[in-house]
Every structure is written in structure tokens, then in C-alpha cells.
Amino acid sequence: MSEAVTVPGLLAMKGEGRKIAAMTAYDASFARAMDAAGMDVVLVGDTLGMVVQGHKTTLPVTLADMVYHTGCVARGLARALLMADMPFLTFQGSCERALQDAGSLLRAGAQIVKVEGAGVLVDNVAYLCARGVPVCGHIGLTPQFVNSLGGFKVQGRGAQAAVLKAQAQDLAEAGVSALLLEAIPAPLAAEITETVSVPTIGIGAGAACDGQVLVMHDALGLGAHRARFVRDFLAGRGGGVSEALRAYVEAVRAGTFPGPSESYGE
């Protein structure tokens, strides 16, 4: 087995031009399959609220839910870096509350936590990073802000582009170890990737990002709503799930996923 992926290792991959392959998982069995396929990052996403629990948004997911599923996934991994989402209202309050809740996820096995948003939340990011909690920022379409955004819509077009570029820089300066870019125009994601010092991981953000992530259910053709940036890697593969996961990793590393039709323009 190759060497385990670490938080500093993600930065090294950016520097070397090696694409980061990431996918969500919610249990030990799929975590083991992703490890075997060579996945670099496994994300325990609060998307579990939608694809596991059946909610319409991620908002009902609790910290207890995230801790439970993070522990399950951690027990299935040996190589991939384990990232866990901080769910709604665990990060948007005080710095002390954010630190306590992030600690719960790290104790469950996460090696880095992901937080949505910027602006006034950048102070919380800096607080966590200064205290030894690795953080992945998340800008663009931030599902925890779905009500404020008016739905799951592409972000960063027109005047919004400058806002997202500023948010990316603010988060990088606050100490994030990575930055997730969701549902933004591919040219904007390419510009952010070029200008920030930390690796970018895209979902619906074009092929120029330093890595890609998909929700596992979407990548296996199980998603209830197929977004433009989703590709079914299981379709037509006689080898089943394991082959589909390997195909995804290979496509990300080769830069063939996402293609132009799976990306958004300005």
C-alpha cells in the first residue's frame, strides 16, 4: 500500500501538479473500497442528510450524526485522508464552540474539517487553524446557505466573481489547508486555483482545480437529481462499484473529468 495521504501532502500534490481524487463516504465498507481504489481524500459530507437520511437539504444534520459517520468511515480507511464536514450551526457561532465541535470530529477520526462560507466566519477559521485544527474552506455554492441563496444555484457569475476571489484569498490567509469550490464557472475556478497557495478541490468548478470531489451516490448513478457536473462512473462497467471507483480516480488524475459539458461557463 502506498504512503498515507496527509494534510501537508495535499499541498505537495498541488506543487507537483498531481490531481487530488476525492469522494464522499458514510460507512466503513465504502471507505475500504475507496482506499483500495486509490482515493486521496474521503469526505464524510453533511450530504448524508440528503442521500442517507432522505432530507431535502443538509440543514437537519447534527454534530452527533457527523461524529457517528466519521467514526464509521475512519475504521475503513488506511491510506486516504479523512475530511469531515462541520454541520449547520456548529461553526457559525463562537470560536470556542467551533473549536469544541471540530474537536469532536477529530476525535472521531477526521484529519481535517470542512467549513462553509467566508466573510465574518474567517475569524473562526483562523482561530481553528491557530489551534492545530486543519481546515478546508468551502465557497461558491454553499448548501448550508441554501435558504439565503434561494436554492442550489451556480455562484460566481458577474459581480459575484470578485467576491469569491476575495473570499478565497481571505481563507488562504486565515490558514486553510485546502479550498473546496462548488458550482462556479470554470474560468473563475481556474483563476482562483492559480492565485491561491493552497490546493483547490472542485465540484462543478471545471477541470483546472487541483482536485475533484463527487458525492458517492452521484458517481454511482444513484443520485435523485443529476446535476450538470455529475458523471455516472458505474454505467456500463461490468466490474461493479470497485471498478467504477478506480475509473473515477483515473479520470481525475488524467484530467479527463470533468469535461467541458460537465462544467459551467461565465
C-alpha atoms as a PDB file:
ATOM      1  CA  MET A   1       0.000   0.000   0.000  1.00  0.00           C
ATOM      2  CA  SER A   2       1.268   3.462  -0.866  1.00  0.00           C
ATOM      3  CA  GLU A   3       2.044   6.040   1.790  1.00  0.00           C
ATOM      4  CA  ALA A   4      -0.887   7.554   3.662  1.00  0.00           C
ATOM      5  CA  VAL A   5      -2.107  10.942   2.460  1.00  0.00           C
ATOM      6  CA  THR A   6      -1.568  13.791   4.934  1.00  0.00           C
ATOM      7  CA  VAL A   7      -2.675  17.409   5.143  1.00  0.00           C
ATOM      8  CA  PRO A   8       0.800  18.690   4.103  1.00  0.00           C
ATOM      9  CA  GLY A   9       0.726  16.044   1.384  1.00  0.00           C
ATOM     10  CA  LEU A  10      -2.184  17.830  -0.311  1.00  0.00           C
ATOM     11  CA  LEU A  11      -0.063  20.959  -0.671  1.00  0.00           C
ATOM     12  CA  ALA A  12       2.756  18.843  -2.078  1.00  0.00           C
ATOM     13  CA  MET A  13       0.380  17.381  -4.648  1.00  0.00           C
ATOM     14  CA  LYS A  14      -0.568  20.892  -5.796  1.00  0.00           C
ATOM     15  CA  GLY A  15       3.079  21.805  -6.134  1.00  0.00           C
ATOM     16  CA  GLU A  16       3.825  18.673  -8.149  1.00  0.00           C
ATOM     17  CA  GLY A  17       0.766  19.019 -10.354  1.00  0.00           C
ATOM     18  CA  ARG A  18      -0.759  15.720  -9.158  1.00  0.00           C
ATOM     19  CA  LYS A  19      -4.543  15.824  -9.164  1.00  0.00           C
ATOM     20  CA  ILE A  20      -6.357  15.064  -5.896  1.00  0.00           C
ATOM     21  CA  ALA A  21      -9.160  12.485  -6.184  1.00  0.00           C
ATOM     22  CA  ALA A  22     -11.821  12.819  -3.502  1.00  0.00           C
ATOM     23  CA  MET A  23     -15.274  11.351  -2.885  1.00  0.00           C
ATOM     24  CA  THR A  24     -17.817  11.225  -0.084  1.00  0.00           C
ATOM     25  CA  ALA A  25     -18.412   8.117   2.015  1.00  0.00           C
ATOM     26  CA  TYR A  26     -20.588   7.436   5.027  1.00  0.00           C
ATOM     27  CA  ASP A  27     -19.658   3.920   6.193  1.00  0.00           C
ATOM     28  CA  ALA A  28     -16.691   1.597   6.612  1.00  0.00           C
ATOM     29  CA  SER A  29     -17.428  -0.682   3.646  1.00  0.00           C
ATOM     30  CA  PHE A  30     -17.401   2.055   1.034  1.00  0.00           C
ATOM     31  CA  ALA A  31     -14.419   3.662   2.778  1.00  0.00           C
ATOM     32  CA  ARG A  32     -12.435   0.438   2.308  1.00  0.00           C
ATOM     33  CA  ALA A  33     -13.446   0.291  -1.347  1.00  0.00           C
ATOM     34  CA  MET A  34     -12.298   3.882  -1.875  1.00  0.00           C
ATOM     35  CA  ASP A  35      -8.983   3.198  -0.166  1.00  0.00           C
ATOM     36  CA  ALA A  36      -8.443   0.202  -2.428  1.00  0.00           C
ATOM     37  CA  ALA A  37      -9.271   2.320  -5.487  1.00  0.00           C
ATOM     38  CA  GLY A  38      -6.543   4.833  -4.577  1.00  0.00           C
ATOM     39  CA  MET A  39      -8.764   7.707  -3.437  1.00  0.00           C
ATOM     40  CA  ASP A  40      -6.677  10.517  -1.915  1.00  0.00           C
ATOM     41  CA  VAL A  41      -9.369  12.148   0.223  1.00  0.00           C
ATOM     42  CA  VAL A  42     -12.575  10.670   1.616  1.00  0.00           C
ATOM     43  CA  LEU A  43     -15.110  13.251   2.758  1.00  0.00           C
ATOM     44  CA  VAL A  44     -17.782  12.477   5.311  1.00  0.00           C
ATOM     45  CA  GLY A  45     -20.138  15.073   3.930  1.00  0.00           C
ATOM     46  CA  ASP A  46     -23.201  16.512   5.550  1.00  0.00           C
ATOM     47  CA  THR A  47     -24.742  15.437   2.244  1.00  0.00           C
ATOM     48  CA  LEU A  48     -25.603  12.364   4.295  1.00  0.00           C
ATOM     49  CA  GLY A  49     -28.681  14.354   5.276  1.00  0.00           C
ATOM     50  CA  MET A  50     -29.901  14.082   1.702  1.00  0.00           C
ATOM     51  CA  VAL A  51     -28.506  10.803   0.331  1.00  0.00           C
ATOM     52  CA  VAL A  52     -28.671   8.730   3.533  1.00  0.00           C
ATOM     53  CA  GLN A  53     -31.374  10.336   5.674  1.00  0.00           C
ATOM     54  CA  GLY A  54     -33.649  11.494   2.859  1.00  0.00           C
ATOM     55  CA  HIS A  55     -33.908  15.189   3.722  1.00  0.00           C
ATOM     56  CA  LYS A  56     -34.233  17.881   1.059  1.00  0.00           C
ATOM     57  CA  THR A  57     -31.226  19.834   2.366  1.00  0.00           C
ATOM     58  CA  THR A  58     -28.192  19.290   4.589  1.00  0.00           C
ATOM     59  CA  LEU A  59     -29.560  21.546   7.335  1.00  0.00           C
ATOM     60  CA  PRO A  60     -31.103  18.830   9.575  1.00  0.00           C
ATOM     61  CA  VAL A  61     -27.767  17.023  10.014  1.00  0.00           C
ATOM     62  CA  THR A  62     -26.478  17.177  13.600  1.00  0.00           C
ATOM     63  CA  LEU A  63     -22.993  17.018  15.041  1.00  0.00           C
ATOM     64  CA  ALA A  64     -23.882  13.624  16.539  1.00  0.00           C
ATOM     65  CA  ASP A  65     -24.745  12.372  13.031  1.00  0.00           C
ATOM     66  CA  MET A  66     -21.410  13.583  11.704  1.00  0.00           C
ATOM     67  CA  VAL A  67     -19.412  12.122  14.581  1.00  0.00           C
ATOM     68  CA  TYR A  68     -21.101   8.728  14.142  1.00  0.00           C
ATOM     69  CA  HIS A  69     -20.499   8.524  10.381  1.00  0.00           C
ATOM     70  CA  THR A  70     -16.960   9.920  10.687  1.00  0.00           C
ATOM     71  CA  GLY A  71     -16.130   7.117  13.115  1.00  0.00           C
ATOM     72  CA  CYS A  72     -17.592   4.532  10.744  1.00  0.00           C
ATOM     73  CA  VAL A  73     -15.561   5.795   7.792  1.00  0.00           C
ATOM     74  CA  ALA A  74     -12.373   6.138   9.843  1.00  0.00           C
ATOM     75  CA  ARG A  75     -12.483   2.447  10.664  1.00  0.00           C
ATOM     76  CA  GLY A  76     -12.472   1.609   6.960  1.00  0.00           C
ATOM     77  CA  LEU A  77      -9.508   3.747   5.905  1.00  0.00           C
ATOM     78  CA  ALA A  78      -5.784   3.097   5.937  1.00  0.00           C
ATOM     79  CA  ARG A  79      -4.383   5.447   3.264  1.00  0.00           C
ATOM     80  CA  ALA A  80      -6.846   8.184   2.269  1.00  0.00           C
ATOM     81  CA  LEU A  81      -7.058  11.446   4.195  1.00  0.00           C
ATOM     82  CA  LEU A  82     -10.317  11.699   6.130  1.00  0.00           C
ATOM     83  CA  MET A  83     -12.169  15.022   5.900  1.00  0.00           C
ATOM     84  CA  ALA A  84     -15.412  15.711   7.758  1.00  0.00           C
ATOM     85  CA  ASP A  85     -17.980  18.467   7.359  1.00  0.00           C
ATOM     86  CA  MET A  86     -18.870  20.698  10.259  1.00  0.00           C
ATOM     87  CA  PRO A  87     -22.681  20.694  10.068  1.00  0.00           C
ATOM     88  CA  PHE A  88     -25.033  23.667  10.160  1.00  0.00           C
ATOM     89  CA  LEU A  89     -24.685  25.955  13.188  1.00  0.00           C
ATOM     90  CA  THR A  90     -21.634  24.207  14.652  1.00  0.00           C
ATOM     91  CA  PHE A  91     -19.276  26.692  13.027  1.00  0.00           C
ATOM     92  CA  GLN A  92     -21.286  29.871  12.600  1.00  0.00           C
ATOM     93  CA  GLY A  93     -21.292  30.784  16.306  1.00  0.00           C
ATOM     94  CA  SER A  94     -18.447  31.478  18.709  1.00  0.00           C
ATOM     95  CA  CYS A  95     -14.840  30.484  18.087  1.00  0.00           C
ATOM     96  CA  GLU A  96     -14.903  28.414  21.267  1.00  0.00           C
ATOM     97  CA  ARG A  97     -17.973  26.448  20.133  1.00  0.00           C
ATOM     98  CA  ALA A  98     -16.384  25.889  16.721  1.00  0.00           C
ATOM     99  CA  LEU A  99     -13.226  24.547  18.360  1.00  0.00           C
ATOM    100  CA  GLN A 100     -15.165  22.206  20.614  1.00  0.00           C
ATOM    101  CA  ASP A 101     -17.243  20.799  17.760  1.00  0.00           C
ATOM    102  CA  ALA A 102     -14.258  20.456  15.441  1.00  0.00           C
ATOM    103  CA  GLY A 103     -12.512  18.569  18.228  1.00  0.00           C
ATOM    104  CA  SER A 104     -15.381  16.086  18.353  1.00  0.00           C
ATOM    105  CA  LEU A 105     -14.864  15.300  14.668  1.00  0.00           C
ATOM    106  CA  LEU A 106     -11.095  14.971  15.053  1.00  0.00           C
ATOM    107  CA  ARG A 107     -11.533  12.614  17.982  1.00  0.00           C
ATOM    108  CA  ALA A 108     -13.862  10.524  15.827  1.00  0.00           C
ATOM    109  CA  GLY A 109     -11.072  10.099  13.273  1.00  0.00           C
ATOM    110  CA  ALA A 110     -11.185  13.114  10.944  1.00  0.00           C
ATOM    111  CA  GLN A 111      -7.844  14.647   9.979  1.00  0.00           C
ATOM    112  CA  ILE A 112      -9.276  17.876   8.579  1.00  0.00           C
ATOM    113  CA  VAL A 113     -12.655  19.582   8.910  1.00  0.00           C
ATOM    114  CA  LYS A 114     -14.522  21.401   6.156  1.00  0.00           C
ATOM    115  CA  VAL A 115     -16.437  24.611   6.811  1.00  0.00           C
ATOM    116  CA  GLU A 116     -18.770  26.533   4.522  1.00  0.00           C
ATOM    117  CA  GLY A 117     -18.643  30.278   3.984  1.00  0.00           C
ATOM    118  CA  ALA A 118     -16.278  33.214   4.495  1.00  0.00           C
ATOM    119  CA  GLY A 119     -16.806  36.840   5.473  1.00  0.00           C
ATOM    120  CA  VAL A 120     -17.314  37.099   9.230  1.00  0.00           C
ATOM    121  CA  LEU A 121     -16.586  33.367   9.524  1.00  0.00           C
ATOM    122  CA  VAL A 122     -12.948  33.858   8.515  1.00  0.00           C
ATOM    123  CA  ASP A 123     -12.106  34.739  12.121  1.00  0.00           C
ATOM    124  CA  ASN A 124     -13.374  31.319  13.209  1.00  0.00           C
ATOM    125  CA  VAL A 125     -11.243  29.678  10.534  1.00  0.00           C
ATOM    126  CA  ALA A 126      -8.124  31.488  11.768  1.00  0.00           C
ATOM    127  CA  TYR A 127      -8.972  30.539  15.354  1.00  0.00           C
ATOM    128  CA  LEU A 128      -9.175  26.833  14.494  1.00  0.00           C
ATOM    129  CA  CYS A 129      -6.053  26.829  12.329  1.00  0.00           C
ATOM    130  CA  ALA A 130      -4.009  28.573  15.018  1.00  0.00           C
ATOM    131  CA  ARG A 131      -5.005  25.835  17.471  1.00  0.00           C
ATOM    132  CA  GLY A 132      -3.949  22.868  15.388  1.00  0.00           C
ATOM    133  CA  VAL A 133      -7.225  22.086  13.618  1.00  0.00           C
ATOM    134  CA  PRO A 134      -6.652  21.680   9.858  1.00  0.00           C
ATOM    135  CA  VAL A 135      -9.461  23.335   7.902  1.00  0.00           C
ATOM    136  CA  CYS A 136     -10.736  23.083   4.336  1.00  0.00           C
ATOM    137  CA  GLY A 137     -12.714  26.139   3.307  1.00  0.00           C
ATOM    138  CA  HIS A 138     -15.781  25.880   1.064  1.00  0.00           C
ATOM    139  CA  ILE A 139     -17.039  28.713  -1.145  1.00  0.00           C
ATOM    140  CA  GLY A 140     -19.318  29.113  -4.148  1.00  0.00           C
ATOM    141  CA  LEU A 141     -22.490  27.113  -3.755  1.00  0.00           C
ATOM    142  CA  THR A 142     -22.565  26.511  -0.006  1.00  0.00           C
ATOM    143  CA  PRO A 143     -25.502  24.165   0.722  1.00  0.00           C
ATOM    144  CA  GLN A 144     -25.816  25.273   4.349  1.00  0.00           C
ATOM    145  CA  PHE A 145     -26.726  28.723   2.984  1.00  0.00           C
ATOM    146  CA  VAL A 146     -29.359  27.295   0.611  1.00  0.00           C
ATOM    147  CA  ASN A 147     -32.129  29.474   2.011  1.00  0.00           C
ATOM    148  CA  SER A 148     -30.075  32.649   1.685  1.00  0.00           C
ATOM    149  CA  LEU A 149     -29.031  31.688  -1.848  1.00  0.00           C
ATOM    150  CA  GLY A 150     -32.586  30.883  -2.903  1.00  0.00           C
ATOM    151  CA  GLY A 151     -31.784  27.317  -3.862  1.00  0.00           C
ATOM    152  CA  PHE A 152     -28.963  25.211  -5.254  1.00  0.00           C
ATOM    153  CA  LYS A 153     -27.725  27.642  -7.910  1.00  0.00           C
ATOM    154  CA  VAL A 154     -24.459  28.346  -9.706  1.00  0.00           C
ATOM    155  CA  GLN A 155     -22.472  31.089  -7.967  1.00  0.00           C
ATOM    156  CA  GLY A 156     -19.710  33.463  -9.044  1.00  0.00           C
ATOM    157  CA  ARG A 157     -21.111  34.936 -12.227  1.00  0.00           C
ATOM    158  CA  GLY A 158     -20.879  38.657 -12.965  1.00  0.00           C
ATOM    159  CA  ALA A 159     -20.092  40.817  -9.955  1.00  0.00           C
ATOM    160  CA  GLN A 160     -20.055  37.732  -7.714  1.00  0.00           C
ATOM    161  CA  ALA A 161     -16.735  36.659  -9.228  1.00  0.00           C
ATOM    162  CA  ALA A 162     -14.797  39.373  -7.407  1.00  0.00           C
ATOM    163  CA  VAL A 163     -16.492  38.414  -4.135  1.00  0.00           C
ATOM    164  CA  LEU A 164     -15.458  34.768  -4.473  1.00  0.00           C
ATOM    165  CA  LYS A 165     -11.888  35.689  -5.399  1.00  0.00           C
ATOM    166  CA  ALA A 166     -11.654  37.837  -2.280  1.00  0.00           C
ATOM    167  CA  GLN A 167     -13.147  35.078  -0.135  1.00  0.00           C
ATOM    168  CA  ALA A 168     -10.598  32.593  -1.458  1.00  0.00           C
ATOM    169  CA  GLN A 169      -7.717  34.889  -0.586  1.00  0.00           C
ATOM    170  CA  ASP A 170      -9.128  35.650   2.856  1.00  0.00           C
ATOM    171  CA  LEU A 171      -9.481  31.957   3.678  1.00  0.00           C
ATOM    172  CA  ALA A 172      -5.983  31.166   2.398  1.00  0.00           C
ATOM    173  CA  GLU A 173      -4.530  33.943   4.547  1.00  0.00           C
ATOM    174  CA  ALA A 174      -6.505  32.638   7.539  1.00  0.00           C
ATOM    175  CA  GLY A 175      -4.634  29.359   7.254  1.00  0.00           C
ATOM    176  CA  VAL A 176      -6.875  26.862   5.462  1.00  0.00           C
ATOM    177  CA  SER A 177      -5.091  23.778   4.159  1.00  0.00           C
ATOM    178  CA  ALA A 178      -7.407  23.368   1.154  1.00  0.00           C
ATOM    179  CA  LEU A 179     -10.316  25.099  -0.525  1.00  0.00           C
ATOM    180  CA  LEU A 180     -13.415  23.460  -1.985  1.00  0.00           C
ATOM    181  CA  LEU A 181     -15.008  25.320  -4.910  1.00  0.00           C
ATOM    182  CA  GLU A 182     -18.591  24.314  -5.682  1.00  0.00           C
ATOM    183  CA  ALA A 183     -20.727  25.152  -8.723  1.00  0.00           C
ATOM    184  CA  ILE A 184     -18.800  28.134 -10.037  1.00  0.00           C
ATOM    185  CA  PRO A 185     -17.715  28.986 -13.602  1.00  0.00           C
ATOM    186  CA  ALA A 186     -14.680  27.017 -14.732  1.00  0.00           C
ATOM    187  CA  PRO A 187     -12.665  30.134 -15.725  1.00  0.00           C
ATOM    188  CA  LEU A 188     -13.185  31.627 -12.267  1.00  0.00           C
ATOM    189  CA  ALA A 189     -12.138  28.383 -10.572  1.00  0.00           C
ATOM    190  CA  ALA A 190      -9.024  28.279 -12.762  1.00  0.00           C
ATOM    191  CA  GLU A 191      -8.124  31.833 -11.723  1.00  0.00           C
ATOM    192  CA  ILE A 192      -8.611  31.071  -8.035  1.00  0.00           C
ATOM    193  CA  THR A 193      -6.573  27.887  -8.341  1.00  0.00           C
ATOM    194  CA  GLU A 194      -3.751  29.812  -9.956  1.00  0.00           C
ATOM    195  CA  THR A 195      -3.695  32.587  -7.374  1.00  0.00           C
ATOM    196  CA  VAL A 196      -4.184  30.847  -4.023  1.00  0.00           C
ATOM    197  CA  SER A 197      -1.345  28.987  -2.357  1.00  0.00           C
ATOM    198  CA  VAL A 198      -3.465  26.068  -1.144  1.00  0.00           C
ATOM    199  CA  PRO A 199      -4.918  23.217  -3.221  1.00  0.00           C
ATOM    200  CA  THR A 200      -8.405  23.655  -4.632  1.00  0.00           C
ATOM    201  CA  ILE A 201     -10.867  20.785  -4.895  1.00  0.00           C
ATOM    202  CA  GLY A 202     -13.718  21.349  -7.316  1.00  0.00           C
ATOM    203  CA  ILE A 203     -17.240  20.059  -7.622  1.00  0.00           C
ATOM    204  CA  GLY A 204     -18.896  21.621 -10.613  1.00  0.00           C
ATOM    205  CA  ALA A 205     -15.938  24.008 -10.935  1.00  0.00           C
ATOM    206  CA  GLY A 206     -14.118  22.751 -14.022  1.00  0.00           C
ATOM    207  CA  ALA A 207     -11.026  20.676 -14.662  1.00  0.00           C
ATOM    208  CA  ALA A 208      -8.416  23.295 -13.727  1.00  0.00           C
ATOM    209  CA  CYS A 209      -8.865  22.745  -9.973  1.00  0.00           C
ATOM    210  CA  ASP A 210      -6.111  20.863  -8.165  1.00  0.00           C
ATOM    211  CA  GLY A 211      -8.562  18.056  -7.438  1.00  0.00           C
ATOM    212  CA  GLN A 212     -12.154  16.906  -7.776  1.00  0.00           C
ATOM    213  CA  VAL A 213     -14.801  15.577  -5.418  1.00  0.00           C
ATOM    214  CA  LEU A 214     -18.171  13.961  -6.052  1.00  0.00           C
ATOM    215  CA  VAL A 215     -20.916  12.666  -3.821  1.00  0.00           C
ATOM    216  CA  MET A 216     -20.568   8.877  -3.913  1.00  0.00           C
ATOM    217  CA  HIS A 217     -24.216   8.289  -4.760  1.00  0.00           C
ATOM    218  CA  ASP A 218     -23.966  10.642  -7.746  1.00  0.00           C
ATOM    219  CA  ALA A 219     -20.784   8.991  -9.022  1.00  0.00           C
ATOM    220  CA  LEU A 220     -22.525   5.601  -8.882  1.00  0.00           C
ATOM    221  CA  GLY A 221     -25.680   6.780 -10.629  1.00  0.00           C
ATOM    222  CA  LEU A 222     -27.839   6.755  -7.508  1.00  0.00           C
ATOM    223  CA  GLY A 223     -28.475  10.482  -7.148  1.00  0.00           C
ATOM    224  CA  ALA A 224     -32.104  11.573  -7.236  1.00  0.00           C
ATOM    225  CA  HIS A 225     -31.224  14.739  -9.193  1.00  0.00           C
ATOM    226  CA  ARG A 226     -28.384  14.652 -11.700  1.00  0.00           C
ATOM    227  CA  ALA A 227     -26.512  17.943 -11.752  1.00  0.00           C
ATOM    228  CA  ARG A 228     -24.601  19.037 -14.840  1.00  0.00           C
ATOM    229  CA  PHE A 229     -21.238  18.249 -13.245  1.00  0.00           C
ATOM    230  CA  VAL A 230     -22.117  14.640 -12.331  1.00  0.00           C
ATOM    231  CA  ARG A 231     -20.879  11.629 -14.280  1.00  0.00           C
ATOM    232  CA  ASP A 232     -22.124   8.090 -13.666  1.00  0.00           C
ATOM    233  CA  PHE A 233     -18.916   6.063 -13.380  1.00  0.00           C
ATOM    234  CA  LEU A 234     -20.787   2.824 -12.760  1.00  0.00           C
ATOM    235  CA  ALA A 235     -22.763   2.833 -16.011  1.00  0.00           C
ATOM    236  CA  GLY A 236     -21.600   0.111 -18.403  1.00  0.00           C
ATOM    237  CA  ARG A 237     -18.923  -1.264 -16.086  1.00  0.00           C
ATOM    238  CA  GLY A 238     -19.152  -4.992 -15.547  1.00  0.00           C
ATOM    239  CA  GLY A 239     -16.678  -4.808 -12.671  1.00  0.00           C
ATOM    240  CA  GLY A 240     -19.172  -3.074 -10.416  1.00  0.00           C
ATOM    241  CA  VAL A 241     -18.519  -0.476  -7.744  1.00  0.00           C
ATOM    242  CA  SER A 242     -14.800  -1.181  -7.301  1.00  0.00           C
ATOM    243  CA  GLU A 243     -14.124  -0.667 -10.998  1.00  0.00           C
ATOM    244  CA  ALA A 244     -16.257   2.483 -11.030  1.00  0.00           C
ATOM    245  CA  LEU A 245     -14.269   3.986  -8.150  1.00  0.00           C
ATOM    246  CA  ARG A 246     -10.979   3.198  -9.881  1.00  0.00           C
ATOM    247  CA  ALA A 247     -12.307   4.713 -13.109  1.00  0.00           C
ATOM    248  CA  TYR A 248     -13.167   7.907 -11.243  1.00  0.00           C
ATOM    249  CA  VAL A 249      -9.708   8.154  -9.671  1.00  0.00           C
ATOM    250  CA  GLU A 250      -8.060   7.563 -13.047  1.00  0.00           C
ATOM    251  CA  ALA A 251     -10.246  10.164 -14.788  1.00  0.00           C
ATOM    252  CA  VAL A 252      -9.467  12.799 -12.150  1.00  0.00           C
ATOM    253  CA  ARG A 253      -5.738  12.132 -12.290  1.00  0.00           C
ATOM    254  CA  ALA A 254      -5.723  12.189 -16.081  1.00  0.00           C
ATOM    255  CA  GLY A 255      -7.671  15.463 -16.146  1.00  0.00           C
ATOM    256  CA  THR A 256     -10.462  13.959 -18.247  1.00  0.00           C
ATOM    257  CA  PHE A 257     -13.070  14.576 -15.554  1.00  0.00           C
ATOM    258  CA  PRO A 258     -14.839  16.903 -15.563  1.00  0.00           C
ATOM    259  CA  GLY A 259     -15.175  17.544 -19.281  1.00  0.00           C
ATOM    260  CA  PRO A 260     -16.386  20.804 -20.848  1.00  0.00           C
ATOM    261  CA  SER A 261     -20.008  19.649 -20.845  1.00  0.00           C
ATOM    262  CA  GLU A 262     -19.708  18.923 -17.098  1.00  0.00           C
ATOM    263  CA  SER A 263     -18.549  22.455 -16.274  1.00  0.00           C
ATOM    264  CA  TYR A 264     -20.159  25.898 -16.085  1.00  0.00           C
ATOM    265  CA  GLY A 265     -19.247  28.895 -18.206  1.00  0.00           C
ATOM    266  CA  GLU A 266     -19.192  32.532 -17.148  1.00  0.00           C
END
